[in-house]
Amino acid sequence: MLKIKNYNKLYKKDVGEWRIGRIDETSTSYIIQFNKPNGDKMQVMLERNGIGSNNGADYELWRWSQTSKSGAVAQTATPIRMMLTKEKIKDMNTFLGHLQFIIK
């Protein structure tokens, strides 16, 4: 199970046009809420249960492809997924780069 000790350091970081407005830790994922100055919202999830062995596990970073301005998921939305190793999550700048890639 993935445990990020200082995940709250992501709060208020800018990622492209978006700003991280909230991060919640649940038993199965980290939920990262993005906001734009115009009121748009988007949510990205980082799953805490890895796929593969403990040392070589990959963790899924994903979001829905279509959301409304308020962040509601469209019925036709599909998940956009990316797999990350712990090393790509540990370094904040590397992780922010992957967040920027997935929200484009």
PDB file of N, CA and C in Angstrom:
ATOM      1  N   MET A   1       0.854  -1.184   0.000  1.00  0.00           N
ATOM      2  CA  MET A   1       0.000   0.000   0.000  1.00  0.00           C
ATOM      3  C   MET A   1       0.891   1.235   0.000  1.00  0.00           C
ATOM      4  N   LEU A   2       0.586   2.163  -0.900  1.00  0.00           N
ATOM      5  CA  LEU A   2       1.339   3.405  -1.035  1.00  0.00           C
ATOM      6  C   LEU A   2       1.003   4.342   0.121  1.00  0.00           C
ATOM      7  N   LYS A   3       2.029   4.889   0.761  1.00  0.00           N
ATOM      8  CA  LYS A   3       1.839   5.870   1.828  1.00  0.00           C
ATOM      9  C   LYS A   3       2.731   7.067   1.526  1.00  0.00           C
ATOM     10  N   ILE A   4       2.122   8.215   1.290  1.00  0.00           N
ATOM     11  CA  ILE A   4       2.854   9.452   1.041  1.00  0.00           C
ATOM     12  C   ILE A   4       2.761  10.290   2.315  1.00  0.00           C
ATOM     13  N   LYS A   5       3.900  10.481   2.974  1.00  0.00           N
ATOM     14  CA  LYS A   5       3.916  11.173   4.269  1.00  0.00           C
ATOM     15  C   LYS A   5       3.519  12.636   4.168  1.00  0.00           C
ATOM     16  N   ASN A   6       4.009  13.331   3.174  1.00  0.00           N
ATOM     17  CA  ASN A   6       3.790  14.779   3.081  1.00  0.00           C
ATOM     18  C   ASN A   6       2.966  15.155   1.856  1.00  0.00           C
ATOM     19  N   TYR A   7       1.911  14.394   1.586  1.00  0.00           N
ATOM     20  CA  TYR A   7       1.095  14.675   0.400  1.00  0.00           C
ATOM     21  C   TYR A   7       0.493  16.075   0.446  1.00  0.00           C
ATOM     22  N   ASN A   8       0.319  16.627   1.658  1.00  0.00           N
ATOM     23  CA  ASN A   8      -0.271  17.968   1.782  1.00  0.00           C
ATOM     24  C   ASN A   8       0.633  19.063   1.225  1.00  0.00           C
ATOM     25  N   LYS A   9       1.902  18.764   0.934  1.00  0.00           N
ATOM     26  CA  LYS A   9       2.798  19.755   0.329  1.00  0.00           C
ATOM     27  C   LYS A   9       2.403  20.070  -1.116  1.00  0.00           C
ATOM     28  N   LEU A  10       1.562  19.242  -1.712  1.00  0.00           N
ATOM     29  CA  LEU A  10       1.068  19.511  -3.067  1.00  0.00           C
ATOM     30  C   LEU A  10       0.028  20.628  -3.089  1.00  0.00           C
ATOM     31  N   TYR A  11      -0.583  20.896  -1.930  1.00  0.00           N
ATOM     32  CA  TYR A  11      -1.638  21.900  -1.826  1.00  0.00           C
ATOM     33  C   TYR A  11      -1.155  23.255  -2.347  1.00  0.00           C
ATOM     34  N   LYS A  12      -1.958  23.862  -3.207  1.00  0.00           N
ATOM     35  CA  LYS A  12      -1.734  25.177  -3.822  1.00  0.00           C
ATOM     36  C   LYS A  12      -0.597  25.191  -4.841  1.00  0.00           C
ATOM     37  N   LYS A  13      -0.132  24.020  -5.281  1.00  0.00           N
ATOM     38  CA  LYS A  13       0.863  23.981  -6.350  1.00  0.00           C
ATOM     39  C   LYS A  13       0.153  24.207  -7.678  1.00  0.00           C
ATOM     40  N   ASP A  14       0.783  24.958  -8.567  1.00  0.00           N
ATOM     41  CA  ASP A  14       0.234  25.185  -9.894  1.00  0.00           C
ATOM     42  C   ASP A  14       0.713  24.095 -10.839  1.00  0.00           C
ATOM     43  N   VAL A  15      -0.224  23.593 -11.639  1.00  0.00           N
ATOM     44  CA  VAL A  15       0.058  22.568 -12.645  1.00  0.00           C
ATOM     45  C   VAL A  15      -0.571  23.065 -13.940  1.00  0.00           C
ATOM     46  N   GLY A  16       0.250  23.675 -14.786  1.00  0.00           N
ATOM     47  CA  GLY A  16      -0.297  24.297 -15.991  1.00  0.00           C
ATOM     48  C   GLY A  16      -1.245  25.414 -15.598  1.00  0.00           C
ATOM     49  N   GLU A  17      -2.459  25.403 -16.170  1.00  0.00           N
ATOM     50  CA  GLU A  17      -3.480  26.424 -15.870  1.00  0.00           C
ATOM     51  C   GLU A  17      -4.224  26.128 -14.581  1.00  0.00           C
ATOM     52  N   TRP A  18      -3.982  24.981 -13.993  1.00  0.00           N
ATOM     53  CA  TRP A  18      -4.733  24.505 -12.840  1.00  0.00           C
ATOM     54  C   TRP A  18      -3.944  24.718 -11.548  1.00  0.00           C
ATOM     55  N   ARG A  19      -4.664  24.772 -10.434  1.00  0.00           N
ATOM     56  CA  ARG A  19      -4.048  24.815  -9.101  1.00  0.00           C
ATOM     57  C   ARG A  19      -4.653  23.697  -8.257  1.00  0.00           C
ATOM     58  N   ILE A  20      -3.799  23.038  -7.507  1.00  0.00           N
ATOM     59  CA  ILE A  20      -4.281  21.994  -6.600  1.00  0.00           C
ATOM     60  C   ILE A  20      -4.960  22.683  -5.422  1.00  0.00           C
ATOM     61  N   GLY A  21      -6.262  22.445  -5.292  1.00  0.00           N
ATOM     62  CA  GLY A  21      -7.063  23.108  -4.269  1.00  0.00           C
ATOM     63  C   GLY A  21      -7.384  22.244  -3.074  1.00  0.00           C
ATOM     64  N   ARG A  22      -7.149  20.930  -3.213  1.00  0.00           N
ATOM     65  CA  ARG A  22      -7.465  20.030  -2.104  1.00  0.00           C
ATOM     66  C   ARG A  22      -6.864  18.664  -2.398  1.00  0.00           C
ATOM     67  N   ILE A  23      -6.420  17.981  -1.344  1.00  0.00           N
ATOM     68  CA  ILE A  23      -5.937  16.608  -1.466  1.00  0.00           C
ATOM     69  C   ILE A  23      -6.513  15.832  -0.297  1.00  0.00           C
ATOM     70  N   ASP A  24      -7.166  14.731  -0.606  1.00  0.00           N
ATOM     71  CA  ASP A  24      -7.721  13.865   0.434  1.00  0.00           C
ATOM     72  C   ASP A  24      -7.090  12.489   0.333  1.00  0.00           C
ATOM     73  N   GLU A  25      -6.822  11.897   1.479  1.00  0.00           N
ATOM     74  CA  GLU A  25      -6.307  10.534   1.549  1.00  0.00           C
ATOM     75  C   GLU A  25      -7.442   9.629   2.008  1.00  0.00           C
ATOM     76  N   THR A  26      -7.732   8.594   1.230  1.00  0.00           N
ATOM     77  CA  THR A  26      -8.713   7.592   1.637  1.00  0.00           C
ATOM     78  C   THR A  26      -7.970   6.274   1.844  1.00  0.00           C
ATOM     79  N   SER A  27      -8.687   5.246   2.203  1.00  0.00           N
ATOM     80  CA  SER A  27      -8.036   3.954   2.430  1.00  0.00           C
ATOM     81  C   SER A  27      -7.510   3.338   1.137  1.00  0.00           C
ATOM     82  N   THR A  28      -8.007   3.785  -0.016  1.00  0.00           N
ATOM     83  CA  THR A  28      -7.594   3.185  -1.290  1.00  0.00           C
ATOM     84  C   THR A  28      -6.948   4.157  -2.273  1.00  0.00           C
ATOM     85  N   SER A  29      -7.044   5.483  -2.024  1.00  0.00           N
ATOM     86  CA  SER A  29      -6.502   6.426  -3.008  1.00  0.00           C
ATOM     87  C   SER A  29      -6.211   7.788  -2.392  1.00  0.00           C
ATOM     88  N   TYR A  30      -5.459   8.578  -3.154  1.00  0.00           N
ATOM     89  CA  TYR A  30      -5.305  10.006  -2.882  1.00  0.00           C
ATOM     90  C   TYR A  30      -6.146  10.712  -3.942  1.00  0.00           C
ATOM     91  N   ILE A  31      -6.992  11.617  -3.514  1.00  0.00           N
ATOM     92  CA  ILE A  31      -7.869  12.345  -4.422  1.00  0.00           C
ATOM     93  C   ILE A  31      -7.356  13.780  -4.495  1.00  0.00           C
ATOM     94  N   ILE A  32      -6.969  14.196  -5.688  1.00  0.00           N
ATOM     95  CA  ILE A  32      -6.373  15.517  -5.901  1.00  0.00           C
ATOM     96  C   ILE A  32      -7.369  16.370  -6.675  1.00  0.00           C
ATOM     97  N   GLN A  33      -7.832  17.437  -6.046  1.00  0.00           N
ATOM     98  CA  GLN A  33      -8.819  18.336  -6.649  1.00  0.00           C
ATOM     99  C   GLN A  33      -8.101  19.520  -7.288  1.00  0.00           C
ATOM    100  N   PHE A  34      -8.344  19.750  -8.576  1.00  0.00           N
ATOM    101  CA  PHE A  34      -7.760  20.868  -9.306  1.00  0.00           C
ATOM    102  C   PHE A  34      -8.824  21.928  -9.541  1.00  0.00           C
ATOM    103  N   ASN A  35      -8.421  23.186  -9.495  1.00  0.00           N
ATOM    104  CA  ASN A  35      -9.314  24.321  -9.758  1.00  0.00           C
ATOM    105  C   ASN A  35      -8.642  25.283 -10.718  1.00  0.00           C
ATOM    106  N   LYS A  36      -9.463  25.963 -11.515  1.00  0.00           N
ATOM    107  CA  LYS A  36      -9.006  27.056 -12.369  1.00  0.00           C
ATOM    108  C   LYS A  36      -9.611  28.352 -11.823  1.00  0.00           C
ATOM    109  N   PRO A  37      -8.988  29.488 -12.114  1.00  0.00           N
ATOM    110  CA  PRO A  37      -9.565  30.767 -11.663  1.00  0.00           C
ATOM    111  C   PRO A  37     -10.986  31.006 -12.171  1.00  0.00           C
ATOM    112  N   ASN A  38     -11.346  30.427 -13.334  1.00  0.00           N
ATOM    113  CA  ASN A  38     -12.693  30.635 -13.885  1.00  0.00           C
ATOM    114  C   ASN A  38     -13.747  29.729 -13.250  1.00  0.00           C
ATOM    115  N   GLY A  39     -13.344  28.910 -12.272  1.00  0.00           N
ATOM    116  CA  GLY A  39     -14.295  28.053 -11.567  1.00  0.00           C
ATOM    117  C   GLY A  39     -14.317  26.602 -12.017  1.00  0.00           C
ATOM    118  N   ASP A  40     -13.614  26.271 -13.101  1.00  0.00           N
ATOM    119  CA  ASP A  40     -13.550  24.876 -13.551  1.00  0.00           C
ATOM    120  C   ASP A  40     -12.914  24.010 -12.481  1.00  0.00           C
ATOM    121  N   LYS A  41     -13.382  22.751 -12.392  1.00  0.00           N
ATOM    122  CA  LYS A  41     -12.859  21.791 -11.424  1.00  0.00           C
ATOM    123  C   LYS A  41     -12.537  20.476 -12.127  1.00  0.00           C
ATOM    124  N   MET A  42     -11.552  19.782 -11.598  1.00  0.00           N
ATOM    125  CA  MET A  42     -11.191  18.464 -12.111  1.00  0.00           C
ATOM    126  C   MET A  42     -10.593  17.676 -10.945  1.00  0.00           C
ATOM    127  N   GLN A  43     -10.764  16.373 -11.008  1.00  0.00           N
ATOM    128  CA  GLN A  43     -10.277  15.501  -9.953  1.00  0.00           C
ATOM    129  C   GLN A  43      -9.400  14.414 -10.554  1.00  0.00           C
ATOM    130  N   VAL A  44      -8.246  14.171  -9.924  1.00  0.00           N
ATOM    131  CA  VAL A  44      -7.328  13.114 -10.337  1.00  0.00           C
ATOM    132  C   VAL A  44      -7.129  12.203  -9.131  1.00  0.00           C
ATOM    133  N   MET A  45      -7.109  10.899  -9.376  1.00  0.00           N
ATOM    134  CA  MET A  45      -6.929   9.936  -8.313  1.00  0.00           C
ATOM    135  C   MET A  45      -5.604   9.191  -8.479  1.00  0.00           C
ATOM    136  N   LEU A  46      -4.919   8.968  -7.375  1.00  0.00           N
ATOM    137  CA  LEU A  46      -3.729   8.134  -7.330  1.00  0.00           C
ATOM    138  C   LEU A  46      -4.070   6.955  -6.442  1.00  0.00           C
ATOM    139  N   GLU A  47      -4.142   5.769  -7.048  1.00  0.00           N
ATOM    140  CA  GLU A  47      -4.507   4.563  -6.307  1.00  0.00           C
ATOM    141  C   GLU A  47      -3.369   4.153  -5.382  1.00  0.00           C
ATOM    142  N   ARG A  48      -3.708   3.728  -4.178  1.00  0.00           N
ATOM    143  CA  ARG A  48      -2.706   3.351  -3.181  1.00  0.00           C
ATOM    144  C   ARG A  48      -2.312   1.884  -3.260  1.00  0.00           C
ATOM    145  N   ASN A  49      -3.144   1.059  -3.856  1.00  0.00           N
ATOM    146  CA  ASN A  49      -2.824  -0.363  -4.007  1.00  0.00           C
ATOM    147  C   ASN A  49      -2.041  -0.549  -5.293  1.00  0.00           C
ATOM    148  N   GLY A  50      -0.814  -1.024  -5.150  1.00  0.00           N
ATOM    149  CA  GLY A  50       0.051  -1.200  -6.299  1.00  0.00           C
ATOM    150  C   GLY A  50      -0.264  -2.448  -7.088  1.00  0.00           C
ATOM    151  N   ILE A  51       0.159  -2.450  -8.335  1.00  0.00           N
ATOM    152  CA  ILE A  51       0.029  -3.614  -9.211  1.00  0.00           C
ATOM    153  C   ILE A  51       1.438  -4.142  -9.411  1.00  0.00           C
ATOM    154  N   GLY A  52       1.674  -5.371  -9.020  1.00  0.00           N
ATOM    155  CA  GLY A  52       3.014  -5.959  -9.093  1.00  0.00           C
ATOM    156  C   GLY A  52       3.561  -6.186  -7.699  1.00  0.00           C
ATOM    157  N   SER A  53       4.825  -6.562  -7.631  1.00  0.00           N
ATOM    158  CA  SER A  53       5.440  -6.842  -6.336  1.00  0.00           C
ATOM    159  C   SER A  53       5.659  -5.549  -5.556  1.00  0.00           C
ATOM    160  N   ASN A  54       5.832  -5.667  -4.246  1.00  0.00           N
ATOM    161  CA  ASN A  54       5.981  -4.491  -3.377  1.00  0.00           C
ATOM    162  C   ASN A  54       7.094  -3.556  -3.835  1.00  0.00           C
ATOM    163  N   ASN A  55       8.256  -4.086  -4.159  1.00  0.00           N
ATOM    164  CA  ASN A  55       9.373  -3.219  -4.549  1.00  0.00           C
ATOM    165  C   ASN A  55       9.251  -2.725  -5.982  1.00  0.00           C
ATOM    166  N   GLY A  56       8.585  -3.475  -6.835  1.00  0.00           N
ATOM    167  CA  GLY A  56       8.455  -3.080  -8.233  1.00  0.00           C
ATOM    168  C   GLY A  56       7.041  -2.724  -8.624  1.00  0.00           C
ATOM    169  N   ALA A  57       6.218  -2.357  -7.639  1.00  0.00           N
ATOM    170  CA  ALA A  57       4.812  -2.079  -7.918  1.00  0.00           C
ATOM    171  C   ALA A  57       4.643  -0.788  -8.712  1.00  0.00           C
ATOM    172  N   ASP A  58       3.609  -0.763  -9.532  1.00  0.00           N
ATOM    173  CA  ASP A  58       3.190   0.445 -10.245  1.00  0.00           C
ATOM    174  C   ASP A  58       1.872   0.905  -9.639  1.00  0.00           C
ATOM    175  N   TYR A  59       1.683   2.216  -9.632  1.00  0.00           N
ATOM    176  CA  TYR A  59       0.485   2.801  -9.042  1.00  0.00           C
ATOM    177  C   TYR A  59      -0.262   3.580 -10.113  1.00  0.00           C
ATOM    178  N   GLU A  60      -1.569   3.417 -10.128  1.00  0.00           N
ATOM    179  CA  GLU A  60      -2.396   4.023 -11.170  1.00  0.00           C
ATOM    180  C   GLU A  60      -2.763   5.464 -10.821  1.00  0.00           C
ATOM    181  N   LEU A  61      -2.466   6.372 -11.731  1.00  0.00           N
ATOM    182  CA  LEU A  61      -2.889   7.762 -11.668  1.00  0.00           C
ATOM    183  C   LEU A  61      -3.949   7.915 -12.752  1.00  0.00           C
ATOM    184  N   TRP A  62      -5.130   8.411 -12.411  1.00  0.00           N
ATOM    185  CA  TRP A  62      -6.184   8.469 -13.417  1.00  0.00           C
ATOM    186  C   TRP A  62      -7.176   9.597 -13.147  1.00  0.00           C
ATOM    187  N   ARG A  63      -7.926   9.903 -14.211  1.00  0.00           N
ATOM    188  CA  ARG A  63      -9.027  10.870 -14.141  1.00  0.00           C
ATOM    189  C   ARG A  63     -10.064  10.506 -15.195  1.00  0.00           C
ATOM    190  N   TRP A  64     -11.238  11.108 -15.086  1.00  0.00           N
ATOM    191  CA  TRP A  64     -12.268  10.916 -16.102  1.00  0.00           C
ATOM    192  C   TRP A  64     -11.998  11.834 -17.277  1.00  0.00           C
ATOM    193  N   SER A  65     -12.301  11.370 -18.487  1.00  0.00           N
ATOM    194  CA  SER A  65     -12.028  12.133 -19.706  1.00  0.00           C
ATOM    195  C   SER A  65     -12.955  13.330 -19.886  1.00  0.00           C
ATOM    196  N   GLN A  66     -14.168  13.256 -19.382  1.00  0.00           N
ATOM    197  CA  GLN A  66     -15.141  14.342 -19.590  1.00  0.00           C
ATOM    198  C   GLN A  66     -15.803  14.693 -18.270  1.00  0.00           C
ATOM    199  N   THR A  67     -15.639  15.956 -17.885  1.00  0.00           N
ATOM    200  CA  THR A  67     -16.327  16.453 -16.696  1.00  0.00           C
ATOM    201  C   THR A  67     -16.921  17.816 -17.023  1.00  0.00           C
ATOM    202  N   SER A  68     -17.931  18.185 -16.273  1.00  0.00           N
ATOM    203  CA  SER A  68     -18.531  19.510 -16.463  1.00  0.00           C
ATOM    204  C   SER A  68     -17.696  20.541 -15.713  1.00  0.00           C
ATOM    205  N   LYS A  69     -18.063  21.793 -15.875  1.00  0.00           N
ATOM    206  CA  LYS A  69     -17.362  22.880 -15.191  1.00  0.00           C
ATOM    207  C   LYS A  69     -17.331  22.655 -13.683  1.00  0.00           C
ATOM    208  N   SER A  70     -18.386  22.051 -13.151  1.00  0.00           N
ATOM    209  CA  SER A  70     -18.462  21.816 -11.707  1.00  0.00           C
ATOM    210  C   SER A  70     -17.709  20.560 -11.279  1.00  0.00           C
ATOM    211  N   GLY A  71     -17.221  19.780 -12.249  1.00  0.00           N
ATOM    212  CA  GLY A  71     -16.490  18.565 -11.926  1.00  0.00           C
ATOM    213  C   GLY A  71     -17.327  17.294 -12.027  1.00  0.00           C
ATOM    214  N   ALA A  72     -18.613  17.420 -12.388  1.00  0.00           N
ATOM    215  CA  ALA A  72     -19.462  16.232 -12.535  1.00  0.00           C
ATOM    216  C   ALA A  72     -19.000  15.414 -13.738  1.00  0.00           C
ATOM    217  N   VAL A  73     -19.048  14.109 -13.605  1.00  0.00           N
ATOM    218  CA  VAL A  73     -18.582  13.198 -14.655  1.00  0.00           C
ATOM    219  C   VAL A  73     -19.688  12.969 -15.681  1.00  0.00           C
ATOM    220  N   ALA A  74     -19.355  13.116 -16.957  1.00  0.00           N
ATOM    221  CA  ALA A  74     -20.313  12.876 -18.039  1.00  0.00           C
ATOM    222  C   ALA A  74     -20.577  11.375 -18.170  1.00  0.00           C
ATOM    223  N   GLN A  75     -21.754  11.012 -18.625  1.00  0.00           N
ATOM    224  CA  GLN A  75     -22.103   9.592 -18.802  1.00  0.00           C
ATOM    225  C   GLN A  75     -21.222   8.903 -19.828  1.00  0.00           C
ATOM    226  N   THR A  76     -20.705   9.641 -20.770  1.00  0.00           N
ATOM    227  CA  THR A  76     -19.871   9.056 -21.825  1.00  0.00           C
ATOM    228  C   THR A  76     -18.376   9.111 -21.484  1.00  0.00           C
ATOM    229  N   ALA A  77     -18.043   9.524 -20.274  1.00  0.00           N
ATOM    230  CA  ALA A  77     -16.640   9.660 -19.875  1.00  0.00           C
ATOM    231  C   ALA A  77     -15.953   8.302 -19.787  1.00  0.00           C
ATOM    232  N   THR A  78     -14.685   8.308 -20.115  1.00  0.00           N
ATOM    233  CA  THR A  78     -13.842   7.119 -19.976  1.00  0.00           C
ATOM    234  C   THR A  78     -12.631   7.501 -19.130  1.00  0.00           C
ATOM    235  N   PRO A  79     -12.043   6.544 -18.424  1.00  0.00           N
ATOM    236  CA  PRO A  79     -10.876   6.880 -17.607  1.00  0.00           C
ATOM    237  C   PRO A  79      -9.629   7.072 -18.465  1.00  0.00           C
ATOM    238  N   ILE A  80      -8.835   8.046 -18.086  1.00  0.00           N
ATOM    239  CA  ILE A  80      -7.510   8.268 -18.670  1.00  0.00           C
ATOM    240  C   ILE A  80      -6.530   7.811 -17.607  1.00  0.00           C
ATOM    241  N   ARG A  81      -5.687   6.841 -17.951  1.00  0.00           N
ATOM    242  CA  ARG A  81      -4.839   6.195 -16.955  1.00  0.00           C
ATOM    243  C   ARG A  81      -3.365   6.319 -17.284  1.00  0.00           C
ATOM    244  N   MET A  82      -2.568   6.300 -16.208  1.00  0.00           N
ATOM    245  CA  MET A  82      -1.118   6.303 -16.326  1.00  0.00           C
ATOM    246  C   MET A  82      -0.582   5.492 -15.141  1.00  0.00           C
ATOM    247  N   MET A  83       0.420   4.669 -15.385  1.00  0.00           N
ATOM    248  CA  MET A  83       1.025   3.880 -14.319  1.00  0.00           C
ATOM    249  C   MET A  83       2.348   4.526 -13.925  1.00  0.00           C
ATOM    250  N   LEU A  84       2.574   4.662 -12.607  1.00  0.00           N
ATOM    251  CA  LEU A  84       3.785   5.295 -12.082  1.00  0.00           C
ATOM    252  C   LEU A  84       4.460   4.389 -11.063  1.00  0.00           C
ATOM    253  N   THR A  85       5.775   4.394 -11.072  1.00  0.00           N
ATOM    254  CA  THR A  85       6.536   3.701 -10.029  1.00  0.00           C
ATOM    255  C   THR A  85       6.625   4.612  -8.812  1.00  0.00           C
ATOM    256  N   LYS A  86       7.031   4.049  -7.674  1.00  0.00           N
ATOM    257  CA  LYS A  86       7.211   4.858  -6.469  1.00  0.00           C
ATOM    258  C   LYS A  86       8.221   5.971  -6.697  1.00  0.00           C
ATOM    259  N   GLU A  87       9.256   5.681  -7.464  1.00  0.00           N
ATOM    260  CA  GLU A  87      10.296   6.685  -7.728  1.00  0.00           C
ATOM    261  C   GLU A  87       9.719   7.909  -8.440  1.00  0.00           C
ATOM    262  N   LYS A  88       8.749   7.704  -9.308  1.00  0.00           N
ATOM    263  CA  LYS A  88       8.136   8.821 -10.042  1.00  0.00           C
ATOM    264  C   LYS A  88       7.164   9.608  -9.170  1.00  0.00           C
ATOM    265  N   ILE A  89       6.769   9.016  -8.048  1.00  0.00           N
ATOM    266  CA  ILE A  89       5.856   9.682  -7.124  1.00  0.00           C
ATOM    267  C   ILE A  89       6.640  10.393  -6.023  1.00  0.00           C
ATOM    268  N   LYS A  90       7.773   9.821  -5.623  1.00  0.00           N
ATOM    269  CA  LYS A  90       8.572  10.367  -4.515  1.00  0.00           C
ATOM    270  C   LYS A  90       9.055  11.784  -4.771  1.00  0.00           C
ATOM    271  N   ASP A  91       9.524  12.059  -5.975  1.00  0.00           N
ATOM    272  CA  ASP A  91      10.046  13.379  -6.296  1.00  0.00           C
ATOM    273  C   ASP A  91       8.885  14.285  -6.702  1.00  0.00           C
ATOM    274  N   MET A  92       8.682  15.374  -5.944  1.00  0.00           N
ATOM    275  CA  MET A  92       7.517  16.232  -6.182  1.00  0.00           C
ATOM    276  C   MET A  92       7.506  16.819  -7.583  1.00  0.00           C
ATOM    277  N   ASN A  93       8.632  17.290  -8.074  1.00  0.00           N
ATOM    278  CA  ASN A  93       8.655  17.897  -9.407  1.00  0.00           C
ATOM    279  C   ASN A  93       8.334  16.874 -10.498  1.00  0.00           C
ATOM    280  N   THR A  94       8.847  15.655 -10.350  1.00  0.00           N
ATOM    281  CA  THR A  94       8.541  14.593 -11.319  1.00  0.00           C
ATOM    282  C   THR A  94       7.052  14.265 -11.270  1.00  0.00           C
ATOM    283  N   PHE A  95       6.506  14.134 -10.061  1.00  0.00           N
ATOM    284  CA  PHE A  95       5.085  13.822  -9.906  1.00  0.00           C
ATOM    285  C   PHE A  95       4.222  14.941 -10.483  1.00  0.00           C
ATOM    286  N   LEU A  96       4.591  16.206 -10.229  1.00  0.00           N
ATOM    287  CA  LEU A  96       3.829  17.332 -10.786  1.00  0.00           C
ATOM    288  C   LEU A  96       3.867  17.299 -12.316  1.00  0.00           C
ATOM    289  N   GLY A  97       4.983  16.871 -12.892  1.00  0.00           N
ATOM    290  CA  GLY A  97       5.063  16.733 -14.349  1.00  0.00           C
ATOM    291  C   GLY A  97       4.108  15.683 -14.875  1.00  0.00           C
ATOM    292  N   HIS A  98       3.973  14.581 -14.157  1.00  0.00           N
ATOM    293  CA  HIS A  98       3.016  13.541 -14.562  1.00  0.00           C
ATOM    294  C   HIS A  98       1.581  14.017 -14.381  1.00  0.00           C
ATOM    295  N   LEU A  99       1.322  14.779 -13.329  1.00  0.00           N
ATOM    296  CA  LEU A  99      -0.014  15.365 -13.155  1.00  0.00           C
ATOM    297  C   LEU A  99      -0.341  16.289 -14.327  1.00  0.00           C
ATOM    298  N   GLN A 100       0.625  17.107 -14.728  1.00  0.00           N
ATOM    299  CA  GLN A 100       0.394  18.019 -15.848  1.00  0.00           C
ATOM    300  C   GLN A 100       0.084  17.249 -17.128  1.00  0.00           C
ATOM    301  N   PHE A 101       0.790  16.152 -17.349  1.00  0.00           N
ATOM    302  CA  PHE A 101       0.555  15.338 -18.539  1.00  0.00           C
ATOM    303  C   PHE A 101      -0.852  14.740 -18.533  1.00  0.00           C
ATOM    304  N   ILE A 102      -1.304  14.236 -17.392  1.00  0.00           N
ATOM    305  CA  ILE A 102      -2.605  13.551 -17.359  1.00  0.00           C
ATOM    306  C   ILE A 102      -3.783  14.526 -17.424  1.00  0.00           C
ATOM    307  N   ILE A 103      -3.591  15.771 -17.017  1.00  0.00           N
ATOM    308  CA  ILE A 103      -4.731  16.708 -17.045  1.00  0.00           C
ATOM    309  C   ILE A 103      -4.858  17.428 -18.374  1.00  0.00           C
ATOM    310  N   LYS A 104      -3.920  17.269 -19.287  1.00  0.00           N
ATOM    311  CA  LYS A 104      -4.019  17.920 -20.602  1.00  0.00           C
ATOM    312  C   LYS A 104      -5.100  17.295 -21.441  1.00  0.00           C
TER     313      LYS A 104
END
